Amino acid sequence: MIGPEASASDPLALPGLPRDAEGPVFAEPWQALAFALAVRLSAEGVFTWPEWAAALSRALACDPGNDGSRYYLHWVSALEGLIAERGLVGAPDMAARKAAWAEAYRRTPHGRPVELGDH
């Protein structure tokens, strides 16, 4: 769960954060984007960092067998939950955006960056 260090507004003080001596590590670019989005939304006052740490801890707790490989999937799940809770994006809009990204992924040739297009 959340350690005492998560009460600060330190993006690196989170349960299970993949990191090395230099800071967070990301296996894919989308993971870095999700990390940056959470940091930015907290900085903008959408949620506090302790609220974020609690939401992430809840998401991680739902997957007790996780070996760490799905960490950022839980990160996104926690982000979606807080965004919906705060009323920033409604469920239908979020579902439509996720479907658009899934379609963009399916139509993107292997090795090319996924682009959403005009949405």
PDB file of N, CA and C in Angstrom:
ATOM      1  N   MET A   1       0.830  -1.182   0.000  1.00  0.00           N
ATOM      2  CA  MET A   1       0.000   0.000   0.000  1.00  0.00           C
ATOM      3  C   MET A   1       0.880   1.253   0.000  1.00  0.00           C
ATOM      4  N   ILE A   2       0.346   2.311   0.443  1.00  0.00           N
ATOM      5  CA  ILE A   2       1.048   3.580   0.390  1.00  0.00           C
ATOM      6  C   ILE A   2       1.981   3.692   1.585  1.00  0.00           C
ATOM      7  N   GLY A   3       3.231   4.007   1.298  1.00  0.00           N
ATOM      8  CA  GLY A   3       4.191   4.233   2.369  1.00  0.00           C
ATOM      9  C   GLY A   3       4.116   5.675   2.831  1.00  0.00           C
ATOM     10  N   PRO A   4       4.759   6.006   3.934  1.00  0.00           N
ATOM     11  CA  PRO A   4       4.704   7.372   4.443  1.00  0.00           C
ATOM     12  C   PRO A   4       5.286   8.382   3.463  1.00  0.00           C
ATOM     13  N   GLU A   5       6.201   7.931   2.598  1.00  0.00           N
ATOM     14  CA  GLU A   5       6.795   8.854   1.644  1.00  0.00           C
ATOM     15  C   GLU A   5       5.795   9.311   0.582  1.00  0.00           C
ATOM     16  N   ALA A   6       4.712   8.579   0.376  1.00  0.00           N
ATOM     17  CA  ALA A   6       3.735   8.946  -0.644  1.00  0.00           C
ATOM     18  C   ALA A   6       2.879  10.130  -0.225  1.00  0.00           C
ATOM     19  N   SER A   7       2.976  10.531   1.018  1.00  0.00           N
ATOM     20  CA  SER A   7       2.183  11.675   1.452  1.00  0.00           C
ATOM     21  C   SER A   7       2.745  12.983   0.913  1.00  0.00           C
ATOM     22  N   ALA A   8       3.996  12.980   0.498  1.00  0.00           N
ATOM     23  CA  ALA A   8       4.587  14.175  -0.102  1.00  0.00           C
ATOM     24  C   ALA A   8       4.148  14.260  -1.558  1.00  0.00           C
ATOM     25  N   SER A   9       4.421  15.381  -2.192  1.00  0.00           N
ATOM     26  CA  SER A   9       4.057  15.528  -3.594  1.00  0.00           C
ATOM     27  C   SER A   9       5.215  15.113  -4.495  1.00  0.00           C
ATOM     28  N   ASP A  10       5.855  14.026  -4.158  1.00  0.00           N
ATOM     29  CA  ASP A  10       7.006  13.521  -4.888  1.00  0.00           C
ATOM     30  C   ASP A  10       6.555  12.446  -5.874  1.00  0.00           C
ATOM     31  N   PRO A  11       6.669  12.703  -7.186  1.00  0.00           N
ATOM     32  CA  PRO A  11       6.254  11.705  -8.174  1.00  0.00           C
ATOM     33  C   PRO A  11       7.008  10.393  -8.066  1.00  0.00           C
ATOM     34  N   LEU A  12       8.151  10.384  -7.429  1.00  0.00           N
ATOM     35  CA  LEU A  12       8.928   9.154  -7.324  1.00  0.00           C
ATOM     36  C   LEU A  12       8.580   8.344  -6.079  1.00  0.00           C
ATOM     37  N   ALA A  13       7.759   8.894  -5.200  1.00  0.00           N
ATOM     38  CA  ALA A  13       7.398   8.221  -3.954  1.00  0.00           C
ATOM     39  C   ALA A  13       6.067   7.504  -4.126  1.00  0.00           C
ATOM     40  N   LEU A  14       6.087   6.479  -4.961  1.00  0.00           N
ATOM     41  CA  LEU A  14       4.870   5.727  -5.241  1.00  0.00           C
ATOM     42  C   LEU A  14       5.135   4.238  -5.080  1.00  0.00           C
ATOM     43  N   PRO A  15       4.103   3.488  -4.704  1.00  0.00           N
ATOM     44  CA  PRO A  15       4.272   2.049  -4.520  1.00  0.00           C
ATOM     45  C   PRO A  15       4.596   1.359  -5.844  1.00  0.00           C
ATOM     46  N   GLY A  16       5.686   0.590  -5.864  1.00  0.00           N
ATOM     47  CA  GLY A  16       6.004  -0.247  -7.005  1.00  0.00           C
ATOM     48  C   GLY A  16       6.536   0.457  -8.239  1.00  0.00           C
ATOM     49  N   LEU A  17       6.834   1.742  -8.161  1.00  0.00           N
ATOM     50  CA  LEU A  17       7.278   2.491  -9.335  1.00  0.00           C
ATOM     51  C   LEU A  17       8.536   1.868  -9.923  1.00  0.00           C
ATOM     52  N   PRO A  18       8.478   1.420 -11.196  1.00  0.00           N
ATOM     53  CA  PRO A  18       9.695   0.907 -11.835  1.00  0.00           C
ATOM     54  C   PRO A  18      10.719   2.031 -11.952  1.00  0.00           C
ATOM     55  N   ARG A  19      11.894   1.819 -11.402  1.00  0.00           N
ATOM     56  CA  ARG A  19      12.895   2.876 -11.401  1.00  0.00           C
ATOM     57  C   ARG A  19      14.285   2.280 -11.307  1.00  0.00           C
ATOM     58  N   ASP A  20      15.252   3.110 -11.645  1.00  0.00           N
ATOM     59  CA  ASP A  20      16.645   2.773 -11.433  1.00  0.00           C
ATOM     60  C   ASP A  20      17.274   3.921 -10.653  1.00  0.00           C
ATOM     61  N   ALA A  21      18.582   3.981 -10.605  1.00  0.00           N
ATOM     62  CA  ALA A  21      19.252   5.011  -9.814  1.00  0.00           C
ATOM     63  C   ALA A  21      18.964   6.420 -10.321  1.00  0.00           C
ATOM     64  N   GLU A  22      18.596   6.552 -11.591  1.00  0.00           N
ATOM     65  CA  GLU A  22      18.347   7.868 -12.173  1.00  0.00           C
ATOM     66  C   GLU A  22      16.882   8.304 -12.120  1.00  0.00           C
ATOM     67  N   GLY A  23      15.978   7.407 -11.760  1.00  0.00           N
ATOM     68  CA  GLY A  23      14.561   7.759 -11.693  1.00  0.00           C
ATOM     69  C   GLY A  23      13.688   6.711 -12.341  1.00  0.00           C
ATOM     70  N   PRO A  24      12.463   7.095 -12.723  1.00  0.00           N
ATOM     71  CA  PRO A  24      11.528   6.133 -13.310  1.00  0.00           C
ATOM     72  C   PRO A  24      12.066   5.568 -14.620  1.00  0.00           C
ATOM     73  N   VAL A  25      11.704   4.316 -14.889  1.00  0.00           N
ATOM     74  CA  VAL A  25      12.049   3.693 -16.165  1.00  0.00           C
ATOM     75  C   VAL A  25      10.762   3.289 -16.876  1.00  0.00           C
ATOM     76  N   PHE A  26      10.800   3.363 -18.194  1.00  0.00           N
ATOM     77  CA  PHE A  26       9.621   3.083 -19.007  1.00  0.00           C
ATOM     78  C   PHE A  26      10.006   2.116 -20.118  1.00  0.00           C
ATOM     79  N   ALA A  27       9.218   1.065 -20.285  1.00  0.00           N
ATOM     80  CA  ALA A  27       9.474   0.093 -21.342  1.00  0.00           C
ATOM     81  C   ALA A  27       8.931   0.568 -22.683  1.00  0.00           C
ATOM     82  N   GLU A  28       7.944   1.449 -22.648  1.00  0.00           N
ATOM     83  CA  GLU A  28       7.290   1.943 -23.864  1.00  0.00           C
ATOM     84  C   GLU A  28       7.048   3.445 -23.726  1.00  0.00           C
ATOM     85  N   PRO A  29       7.027   4.169 -24.850  1.00  0.00           N
ATOM     86  CA  PRO A  29       6.777   5.618 -24.782  1.00  0.00           C
ATOM     87  C   PRO A  29       5.449   5.977 -24.120  1.00  0.00           C
ATOM     88  N   TRP A  30       4.399   5.168 -24.315  1.00  0.00           N
ATOM     89  CA  TRP A  30       3.101   5.500 -23.729  1.00  0.00           C
ATOM     90  C   TRP A  30       3.170   5.516 -22.208  1.00  0.00           C
ATOM     91  N   GLN A  31       4.070   4.719 -21.632  1.00  0.00           N
ATOM     92  CA  GLN A  31       4.211   4.693 -20.184  1.00  0.00           C
ATOM     93  C   GLN A  31       4.744   6.033 -19.672  1.00  0.00           C
ATOM     94  N   ALA A  32       5.709   6.584 -20.380  1.00  0.00           N
ATOM     95  CA  ALA A  32       6.250   7.890 -20.002  1.00  0.00           C
ATOM     96  C   ALA A  32       5.183   8.974 -20.145  1.00  0.00           C
ATOM     97  N   LEU A  33       4.366   8.868 -21.183  1.00  0.00           N
ATOM     98  CA  LEU A  33       3.291   9.847 -21.377  1.00  0.00           C
ATOM     99  C   LEU A  33       2.256   9.751 -20.257  1.00  0.00           C
ATOM    100  N   ALA A  34       1.904   8.535 -19.863  1.00  0.00           N
ATOM    101  CA  ALA A  34       0.945   8.354 -18.769  1.00  0.00           C
ATOM    102  C   ALA A  34       1.518   8.905 -17.464  1.00  0.00           C
ATOM    103  N   PHE A  35       2.795   8.668 -17.227  1.00  0.00           N
ATOM    104  CA  PHE A  35       3.457   9.202 -16.036  1.00  0.00           C
ATOM    105  C   PHE A  35       3.395  10.727 -16.041  1.00  0.00           C
ATOM    106  N   ALA A  36       3.764  11.315 -17.178  1.00  0.00           N
ATOM    107  CA  ALA A  36       3.777  12.777 -17.286  1.00  0.00           C
ATOM    108  C   ALA A  36       2.374  13.360 -17.130  1.00  0.00           C
ATOM    109  N   LEU A  37       1.373  12.672 -17.641  1.00  0.00           N
ATOM    110  CA  LEU A  37      -0.001  13.161 -17.519  1.00  0.00           C
ATOM    111  C   LEU A  37      -0.433  13.210 -16.053  1.00  0.00           C
ATOM    112  N   ALA A  38      -0.118  12.178 -15.304  1.00  0.00           N
ATOM    113  CA  ALA A  38      -0.480  12.175 -13.880  1.00  0.00           C
ATOM    114  C   ALA A  38       0.241  13.303 -13.137  1.00  0.00           C
ATOM    115  N   VAL A  39       1.518  13.489 -13.427  1.00  0.00           N
ATOM    116  CA  VAL A  39       2.277  14.558 -12.776  1.00  0.00           C
ATOM    117  C   VAL A  39       1.663  15.910 -13.121  1.00  0.00           C
ATOM    118  N   ARG A  40       1.331  16.109 -14.392  1.00  0.00           N
ATOM    119  CA  ARG A  40       0.773  17.394 -14.833  1.00  0.00           C
ATOM    120  C   ARG A  40      -0.609  17.651 -14.224  1.00  0.00           C
ATOM    121  N   LEU A  41      -1.475  16.635 -14.236  1.00  0.00           N
ATOM    122  CA  LEU A  41      -2.816  16.821 -13.667  1.00  0.00           C
ATOM    123  C   LEU A  41      -2.735  17.142 -12.179  1.00  0.00           C
ATOM    124  N   SER A  42      -1.792  16.528 -11.489  1.00  0.00           N
ATOM    125  CA  SER A  42      -1.621  16.846 -10.077  1.00  0.00           C
ATOM    126  C   SER A  42      -1.110  18.277  -9.917  1.00  0.00           C
ATOM    127  N   ALA A  43      -0.142  18.656 -10.740  1.00  0.00           N
ATOM    128  CA  ALA A  43       0.393  20.026 -10.670  1.00  0.00           C
ATOM    129  C   ALA A  43      -0.675  21.067 -10.982  1.00  0.00           C
ATOM    130  N   GLU A  44      -1.626  20.708 -11.840  1.00  0.00           N
ATOM    131  CA  GLU A  44      -2.709  21.623 -12.206  1.00  0.00           C
ATOM    132  C   GLU A  44      -3.837  21.635 -11.172  1.00  0.00           C
ATOM    133  N   GLY A  45      -3.732  20.777 -10.150  1.00  0.00           N
ATOM    134  CA  GLY A  45      -4.730  20.768  -9.084  1.00  0.00           C
ATOM    135  C   GLY A  45      -5.939  19.885  -9.325  1.00  0.00           C
ATOM    136  N   VAL A  46      -5.872  19.026 -10.336  1.00  0.00           N
ATOM    137  CA  VAL A  46      -6.994  18.124 -10.597  1.00  0.00           C
ATOM    138  C   VAL A  46      -7.144  17.127  -9.451  1.00  0.00           C
ATOM    139  N   PHE A  47      -6.023  16.675  -8.915  1.00  0.00           N
ATOM    140  CA  PHE A  47      -5.998  15.826  -7.726  1.00  0.00           C
ATOM    141  C   PHE A  47      -4.681  16.080  -7.008  1.00  0.00           C
ATOM    142  N   THR A  48      -4.653  15.776  -5.731  1.00  0.00           N
ATOM    143  CA  THR A  48      -3.413  15.918  -4.972  1.00  0.00           C
ATOM    144  C   THR A  48      -2.560  14.677  -5.191  1.00  0.00           C
ATOM    145  N   TRP A  49      -1.289  14.811  -4.887  1.00  0.00           N
ATOM    146  CA  TRP A  49      -0.428  13.640  -5.055  1.00  0.00           C
ATOM    147  C   TRP A  49      -0.802  12.512  -4.091  1.00  0.00           C
ATOM    148  N   PRO A  50      -1.182  12.791  -2.850  1.00  0.00           N
ATOM    149  CA  PRO A  50      -1.661  11.701  -1.991  1.00  0.00           C
ATOM    150  C   PRO A  50      -2.927  11.030  -2.550  1.00  0.00           C
ATOM    151  N   GLU A  51      -3.829  11.812  -3.166  1.00  0.00           N
ATOM    152  CA  GLU A  51      -5.010  11.203  -3.802  1.00  0.00           C
ATOM    153  C   GLU A  51      -4.578  10.287  -4.940  1.00  0.00           C
ATOM    154  N   TRP A  52      -3.587  10.749  -5.711  1.00  0.00           N
ATOM    155  CA  TRP A  52      -3.086   9.929  -6.811  1.00  0.00           C
ATOM    156  C   TRP A  52      -2.462   8.633  -6.280  1.00  0.00           C
ATOM    157  N   ALA A  53      -1.624   8.744  -5.251  1.00  0.00           N
ATOM    158  CA  ALA A  53      -0.981   7.557  -4.688  1.00  0.00           C
ATOM    159  C   ALA A  53      -2.019   6.563  -4.174  1.00  0.00           C
ATOM    160  N   ALA A  54      -3.086   7.065  -3.569  1.00  0.00           N
ATOM    161  CA  ALA A  54      -4.147   6.188  -3.067  1.00  0.00           C
ATOM    162  C   ALA A  54      -4.885   5.507  -4.223  1.00  0.00           C
ATOM    163  N   ALA A  55      -5.186   6.252  -5.287  1.00  0.00           N
ATOM    164  CA  ALA A  55      -5.867   5.667  -6.453  1.00  0.00           C
ATOM    165  C   ALA A  55      -4.993   4.609  -7.109  1.00  0.00           C
ATOM    166  N   LEU A  56      -3.710   4.887  -7.244  1.00  0.00           N
ATOM    167  CA  LEU A  56      -2.789   3.915  -7.835  1.00  0.00           C
ATOM    168  C   LEU A  56      -2.674   2.681  -6.958  1.00  0.00           C
ATOM    169  N   SER A  57      -2.598   2.871  -5.663  1.00  0.00           N
ATOM    170  CA  SER A  57      -2.525   1.733  -4.740  1.00  0.00           C
ATOM    171  C   SER A  57      -3.755   0.852  -4.854  1.00  0.00           C
ATOM    172  N   ARG A  58      -4.932   1.470  -4.984  1.00  0.00           N
ATOM    173  CA  ARG A  58      -6.165   0.681  -5.156  1.00  0.00           C
ATOM    174  C   ARG A  58      -6.116  -0.115  -6.456  1.00  0.00           C
ATOM    175  N   ALA A  59      -5.656   0.515  -7.533  1.00  0.00           N
ATOM    176  CA  ALA A  59      -5.577  -0.177  -8.819  1.00  0.00           C
ATOM    177  C   ALA A  59      -4.590  -1.343  -8.748  1.00  0.00           C
ATOM    178  N   LEU A  60      -3.455  -1.132  -8.097  1.00  0.00           N
ATOM    179  CA  LEU A  60      -2.466  -2.200  -7.971  1.00  0.00           C
ATOM    180  C   LEU A  60      -2.982  -3.339  -7.098  1.00  0.00           C
ATOM    181  N   ALA A  61      -3.753  -3.003  -6.074  1.00  0.00           N
ATOM    182  CA  ALA A  61      -4.276  -4.022  -5.162  1.00  0.00           C
ATOM    183  C   ALA A  61      -5.260  -4.954  -5.854  1.00  0.00           C
ATOM    184  N   CYS A  62      -5.854  -4.524  -6.950  1.00  0.00           N
ATOM    185  CA  CYS A  62      -6.805  -5.349  -7.698  1.00  0.00           C
ATOM    186  C   CYS A  62      -6.109  -6.446  -8.493  1.00  0.00           C
ATOM    187  N   ASP A  63      -4.787  -6.435  -8.528  1.00  0.00           N
ATOM    188  CA  ASP A  63      -4.014  -7.395  -9.305  1.00  0.00           C
ATOM    189  C   ASP A  63      -2.868  -7.925  -8.447  1.00  0.00           C
ATOM    190  N   PRO A  64      -3.188  -8.714  -7.397  1.00  0.00           N
ATOM    191  CA  PRO A  64      -2.154  -9.134  -6.453  1.00  0.00           C
ATOM    192  C   PRO A  64      -1.063 -10.004  -7.072  1.00  0.00           C
ATOM    193  N   GLY A  65      -1.329 -10.669  -8.190  1.00  0.00           N
ATOM    194  CA  GLY A  65      -0.320 -11.512  -8.822  1.00  0.00           C
ATOM    195  C   GLY A  65       0.567 -10.768  -9.798  1.00  0.00           C
ATOM    196  N   ASN A  66       0.385  -9.451  -9.892  1.00  0.00           N
ATOM    197  CA  ASN A  66       1.153  -8.661 -10.853  1.00  0.00           C
ATOM    198  C   ASN A  66       2.643  -8.740 -10.524  1.00  0.00           C
ATOM    199  N   ASP A  67       3.427  -9.049 -11.538  1.00  0.00           N
ATOM    200  CA  ASP A  67       4.880  -9.127 -11.368  1.00  0.00           C
ATOM    201  C   ASP A  67       5.574  -7.808 -11.692  1.00  0.00           C
ATOM    202  N   GLY A  68       4.795  -6.757 -11.881  1.00  0.00           N
ATOM    203  CA  GLY A  68       5.338  -5.455 -12.226  1.00  0.00           C
ATOM    204  C   GLY A  68       5.230  -5.132 -13.703  1.00  0.00           C
ATOM    205  N   SER A  69       4.987  -6.139 -14.526  1.00  0.00           N
ATOM    206  CA  SER A  69       4.918  -5.916 -15.973  1.00  0.00           C
ATOM    207  C   SER A  69       3.664  -5.149 -16.382  1.00  0.00           C
ATOM    208  N   ARG A  70       2.664  -5.146 -15.536  1.00  0.00           N
ATOM    209  CA  ARG A  70       1.410  -4.437 -15.846  1.00  0.00           C
ATOM    210  C   ARG A  70       1.263  -3.148 -15.039  1.00  0.00           C
ATOM    211  N   TYR A  71       2.362  -2.683 -14.454  1.00  0.00           N
ATOM    212  CA  TYR A  71       2.316  -1.513 -13.579  1.00  0.00           C
ATOM    213  C   TYR A  71       1.658  -0.316 -14.250  1.00  0.00           C
ATOM    214  N   TYR A  72       2.084   0.014 -15.453  1.00  0.00           N
ATOM    215  CA  TYR A  72       1.554   1.211 -16.099  1.00  0.00           C
ATOM    216  C   TYR A  72       0.144   1.009 -16.655  1.00  0.00           C
ATOM    217  N   LEU A  73      -0.285  -0.238 -16.843  1.00  0.00           N
ATOM    218  CA  LEU A  73      -1.697  -0.462 -17.163  1.00  0.00           C
ATOM    219  C   LEU A  73      -2.556  -0.058 -15.965  1.00  0.00           C
ATOM    220  N   HIS A  74      -2.076  -0.372 -14.769  1.00  0.00           N
ATOM    221  CA  HIS A  74      -2.781   0.040 -13.555  1.00  0.00           C
ATOM    222  C   HIS A  74      -2.696   1.555 -13.369  1.00  0.00           C
ATOM    223  N   TRP A  75      -1.591   2.121 -13.781  1.00  0.00           N
ATOM    224  CA  TRP A  75      -1.401   3.581 -13.732  1.00  0.00           C
ATOM    225  C   TRP A  75      -2.493   4.247 -14.570  1.00  0.00           C
ATOM    226  N   VAL A  76      -2.693   3.747 -15.780  1.00  0.00           N
ATOM    227  CA  VAL A  76      -3.722   4.301 -16.674  1.00  0.00           C
ATOM    228  C   VAL A  76      -5.109   4.081 -16.092  1.00  0.00           C
ATOM    229  N   SER A  77      -5.341   2.917 -15.525  1.00  0.00           N
ATOM    230  CA  SER A  77      -6.634   2.636 -14.903  1.00  0.00           C
ATOM    231  C   SER A  77      -6.925   3.624 -13.771  1.00  0.00           C
ATOM    232  N   ALA A  78      -5.919   3.900 -12.950  1.00  0.00           N
ATOM    233  CA  ALA A  78      -6.095   4.870 -11.865  1.00  0.00           C
ATOM    234  C   ALA A  78      -6.351   6.267 -12.428  1.00  0.00           C
ATOM    235  N   LEU A  79      -5.644   6.639 -13.495  1.00  0.00           N
ATOM    236  CA  LEU A  79      -5.874   7.932 -14.142  1.00  0.00           C
ATOM    237  C   LEU A  79      -7.296   8.032 -14.666  1.00  0.00           C
ATOM    238  N   GLU A  80      -7.743   6.996 -15.359  1.00  0.00           N
ATOM    239  CA  GLU A  80      -9.106   7.006 -15.893  1.00  0.00           C
ATOM    240  C   GLU A  80     -10.128   7.158 -14.782  1.00  0.00           C
ATOM    241  N   GLY A  81      -9.895   6.452 -13.672  1.00  0.00           N
ATOM    242  CA  GLY A  81     -10.821   6.542 -12.551  1.00  0.00           C
ATOM    243  C   GLY A  81     -10.899   7.947 -11.960  1.00  0.00           C
ATOM    244  N   LEU A  82      -9.756   8.568 -11.753  1.00  0.00           N
ATOM    245  CA  LEU A  82      -9.751   9.929 -11.193  1.00  0.00           C
ATOM    246  C   LEU A  82     -10.327  10.941 -12.178  1.00  0.00           C
ATOM    247  N   ILE A  83     -10.028  10.771 -13.447  1.00  0.00           N
ATOM    248  CA  ILE A  83     -10.566  11.680 -14.468  1.00  0.00           C
ATOM    249  C   ILE A  83     -12.089  11.581 -14.515  1.00  0.00           C
ATOM    250  N   ALA A  84     -12.600  10.368 -14.459  1.00  0.00           N
ATOM    251  CA  ALA A  84     -14.058  10.177 -14.459  1.00  0.00           C
ATOM    252  C   ALA A  84     -14.670  10.707 -13.167  1.00  0.00           C
ATOM    253  N   GLU A  85     -14.018  10.409 -12.044  1.00  0.00           N
ATOM    254  CA  GLU A  85     -14.507  10.866 -10.735  1.00  0.00           C
ATOM    255  C   GLU A  85     -14.603  12.386 -10.668  1.00  0.00           C
ATOM    256  N   ARG A  86     -13.649  13.053 -11.286  1.00  0.00           N
ATOM    257  CA  ARG A  86     -13.631  14.515 -11.283  1.00  0.00           C
ATOM    258  C   ARG A  86     -14.517  15.117 -12.370  1.00  0.00           C
ATOM    259  N   GLY A  87     -15.091  14.276 -13.209  1.00  0.00           N
ATOM    260  CA  GLY A  87     -15.979  14.749 -14.260  1.00  0.00           C
ATOM    261  C   GLY A  87     -15.266  15.457 -15.405  1.00  0.00           C
ATOM    262  N   LEU A  88     -13.979  15.184 -15.585  1.00  0.00           N
ATOM    263  CA  LEU A  88     -13.234  15.830 -16.667  1.00  0.00           C
ATOM    264  C   LEU A  88     -13.621  15.284 -18.030  1.00  0.00           C
ATOM    265  N   VAL A  89     -13.892  13.993 -18.090  1.00  0.00           N
ATOM    266  CA  VAL A  89     -14.305  13.336 -19.326  1.00  0.00           C
ATOM    267  C   VAL A  89     -15.372  12.320 -18.946  1.00  0.00           C
ATOM    268  N   GLY A  90     -16.469  12.348 -19.660  1.00  0.00           N
ATOM    269  CA  GLY A  90     -17.544  11.394 -19.396  1.00  0.00           C
ATOM    270  C   GLY A  90     -17.203  10.015 -19.924  1.00  0.00           C
ATOM    271  N   ALA A  91     -17.864   9.008 -19.389  1.00  0.00           N
ATOM    272  CA  ALA A  91     -17.617   7.627 -19.791  1.00  0.00           C
ATOM    273  C   ALA A  91     -17.804   7.409 -21.298  1.00  0.00           C
ATOM    274  N   PRO A  92     -18.854   7.962 -21.929  1.00  0.00           N
ATOM    275  CA  PRO A  92     -18.995   7.751 -23.373  1.00  0.00           C
ATOM    276  C   PRO A  92     -17.844   8.361 -24.180  1.00  0.00           C
ATOM    277  N   ASP A  93     -17.399   9.548 -23.785  1.00  0.00           N
ATOM    278  CA  ASP A  93     -16.283  10.171 -24.492  1.00  0.00           C
ATOM    279  C   ASP A  93     -14.992   9.391 -24.291  1.00  0.00           C
ATOM    280  N   MET A  94     -14.774   8.904 -23.070  1.00  0.00           N
ATOM    281  CA  MET A  94     -13.578   8.129 -22.812  1.00  0.00           C
ATOM    282  C   MET A  94     -13.596   6.824 -23.607  1.00  0.00           C
ATOM    283  N   ALA A  95     -14.751   6.159 -23.655  1.00  0.00           N
ATOM    284  CA  ALA A  95     -14.870   4.912 -24.417  1.00  0.00           C
ATOM    285  C   ALA A  95     -14.640   5.161 -25.910  1.00  0.00           C
ATOM    286  N   ALA A  96     -15.171   6.265 -26.425  1.00  0.00           N
ATOM    287  CA  ALA A  96     -14.985   6.593 -27.838  1.00  0.00           C
ATOM    288  C   ALA A  96     -13.519   6.859 -28.143  1.00  0.00           C
ATOM    289  N   ARG A  97     -12.835   7.565 -27.255  1.00  0.00           N
ATOM    290  CA  ARG A  97     -11.415   7.867 -27.471  1.00  0.00           C
ATOM    291  C   ARG A  97     -10.579   6.590 -27.423  1.00  0.00           C
ATOM    292  N   LYS A  98     -10.887   5.700 -26.478  1.00  0.00           N
ATOM    293  CA  LYS A  98     -10.162   4.433 -26.384  1.00  0.00           C
ATOM    294  C   LYS A  98     -10.382   3.598 -27.636  1.00  0.00           C
ATOM    295  N   ALA A  99     -11.610   3.590 -28.142  1.00  0.00           N
ATOM    296  CA  ALA A  99     -11.908   2.845 -29.372  1.00  0.00           C
ATOM    297  C   ALA A  99     -11.154   3.437 -30.563  1.00  0.00           C
ATOM    298  N   ALA A 100     -11.064   4.761 -30.622  1.00  0.00           N
ATOM    299  CA  ALA A 100     -10.335   5.418 -31.716  1.00  0.00           C
ATOM    300  C   ALA A 100      -8.851   5.060 -31.658  1.00  0.00           C
ATOM    301  N   TRP A 101      -8.274   5.034 -30.461  1.00  0.00           N
ATOM    302  CA  TRP A 101      -6.873   4.648 -30.342  1.00  0.00           C
ATOM    303  C   TRP A 101      -6.665   3.192 -30.707  1.00  0.00           C
ATOM    304  N   ALA A 102      -7.597   2.320 -30.308  1.00  0.00           N
ATOM    305  CA  ALA A 102      -7.481   0.898 -30.650  1.00  0.00           C
ATOM    306  C   ALA A 102      -7.519   0.718 -32.168  1.00  0.00           C
ATOM    307  N   GLU A 103      -8.406   1.432 -32.832  1.00  0.00           N
ATOM    308  CA  GLU A 103      -8.487   1.364 -34.290  1.00  0.00           C
ATOM    309  C   GLU A 103      -7.219   1.917 -34.933  1.00  0.00           C
ATOM    310  N   ALA A 104      -6.699   3.020 -34.407  1.00  0.00           N
ATOM    311  CA  ALA A 104      -5.453   3.584 -34.934  1.00  0.00           C
ATOM    312  C   ALA A 104      -4.309   2.580 -34.777  1.00  0.00           C
ATOM    313  N   TYR A 105      -4.278   1.878 -33.664  1.00  0.00           N
ATOM    314  CA  TYR A 105      -3.258   0.859 -33.432  1.00  0.00           C
ATOM    315  C   TYR A 105      -3.377  -0.267 -34.453  1.00  0.00           C
ATOM    316  N   ARG A 106      -4.609  -0.723 -34.685  1.00  0.00           N
ATOM    317  CA  ARG A 106      -4.832  -1.831 -35.627  1.00  0.00           C
ATOM    318  C   ARG A 106      -4.423  -1.465 -37.052  1.00  0.00           C
ATOM    319  N   ARG A 107      -4.601  -0.226 -37.445  1.00  0.00           N
ATOM    320  CA  ARG A 107      -4.292   0.159 -38.828  1.00  0.00           C
ATOM    321  C   ARG A 107      -2.850   0.648 -39.018  1.00  0.00           C
ATOM    322  N   THR A 108      -2.076   0.718 -37.939  1.00  0.00           N
ATOM    323  CA  THR A 108      -0.698   1.194 -38.035  1.00  0.00           C
ATOM    324  C   THR A 108       0.233   0.034 -38.344  1.00  0.00           C
ATOM    325  N   PRO A 109       1.033   0.165 -39.407  1.00  0.00           N
ATOM    326  CA  PRO A 109       2.002  -0.890 -39.713  1.00  0.00           C
ATOM    327  C   PRO A 109       3.010  -1.070 -38.584  1.00  0.00           C
ATOM    328  N   HIS A 110       3.450  -2.304 -38.417  1.00  0.00           N
ATOM    329  CA  HIS A 110       4.423  -2.624 -37.373  1.00  0.00           C
ATOM    330  C   HIS A 110       5.661  -1.735 -37.500  1.00  0.00           C
ATOM    331  N   GLY A 111       6.104  -1.226 -36.357  1.00  0.00           N
ATOM    332  CA  GLY A 111       7.299  -0.409 -36.331  1.00  0.00           C
ATOM    333  C   GLY A 111       7.059   1.072 -36.551  1.00  0.00           C
ATOM    334  N   ARG A 112       5.856   1.429 -36.910  1.00  0.00           N
ATOM    335  CA  ARG A 112       5.516   2.841 -37.136  1.00  0.00           C
ATOM    336  C   ARG A 112       4.849   3.410 -35.892  1.00  0.00           C
ATOM    337  N   PRO A 113       4.962   4.710 -35.638  1.00  0.00           N
ATOM    338  CA  PRO A 113       4.256   5.301 -34.491  1.00  0.00           C
ATOM    339  C   PRO A 113       2.742   5.307 -34.739  1.00  0.00           C
ATOM    340  N   VAL A 114       2.004   5.050 -33.706  1.00  0.00           N
ATOM    341  CA  VAL A 114       0.544   5.091 -33.791  1.00  0.00           C
ATOM    342  C   VAL A 114       0.108   6.547 -33.738  1.00  0.00           C
ATOM    343  N   GLU A 115      -0.697   6.942 -34.699  1.00  0.00           N
ATOM    344  CA  GLU A 115      -1.222   8.308 -34.745  1.00  0.00           C
ATOM    345  C   GLU A 115      -2.729   8.253 -34.782  1.00  0.00           C
ATOM    346  N   LEU A 116      -3.349   9.073 -33.954  1.00  0.00           N
ATOM    347  CA  LEU A 116      -4.806   9.079 -33.848  1.00  0.00           C
ATOM    348  C   LEU A 116      -5.458   9.735 -35.049  1.00  0.00           C
ATOM    349  N   GLY A 117      -4.838  10.714 -35.618  1.00  0.00           N
ATOM    350  CA  GLY A 117      -5.443  11.422 -36.756  1.00  0.00           C
ATOM    351  C   GLY A 117      -6.307  12.563 -36.292  1.00  0.00           C
ATOM    352  N   ASP A 118      -7.294  12.903 -37.078  1.00  0.00           N
ATOM    353  CA  ASP A 118      -8.167  14.062 -36.799  1.00  0.00           C
ATOM    354  C   ASP A 118      -9.344  13.680 -35.917  1.00  0.00           C
ATOM    355  N   HIS A 119      -9.081  13.480 -34.625  1.00  0.00           N
ATOM    356  CA  HIS A 119     -10.165  13.136 -33.676  1.00  0.00           C
ATOM    357  C   HIS A 119     -10.170  14.105 -32.540  1.00  0.00           C
TER     358      HIS A 119
END
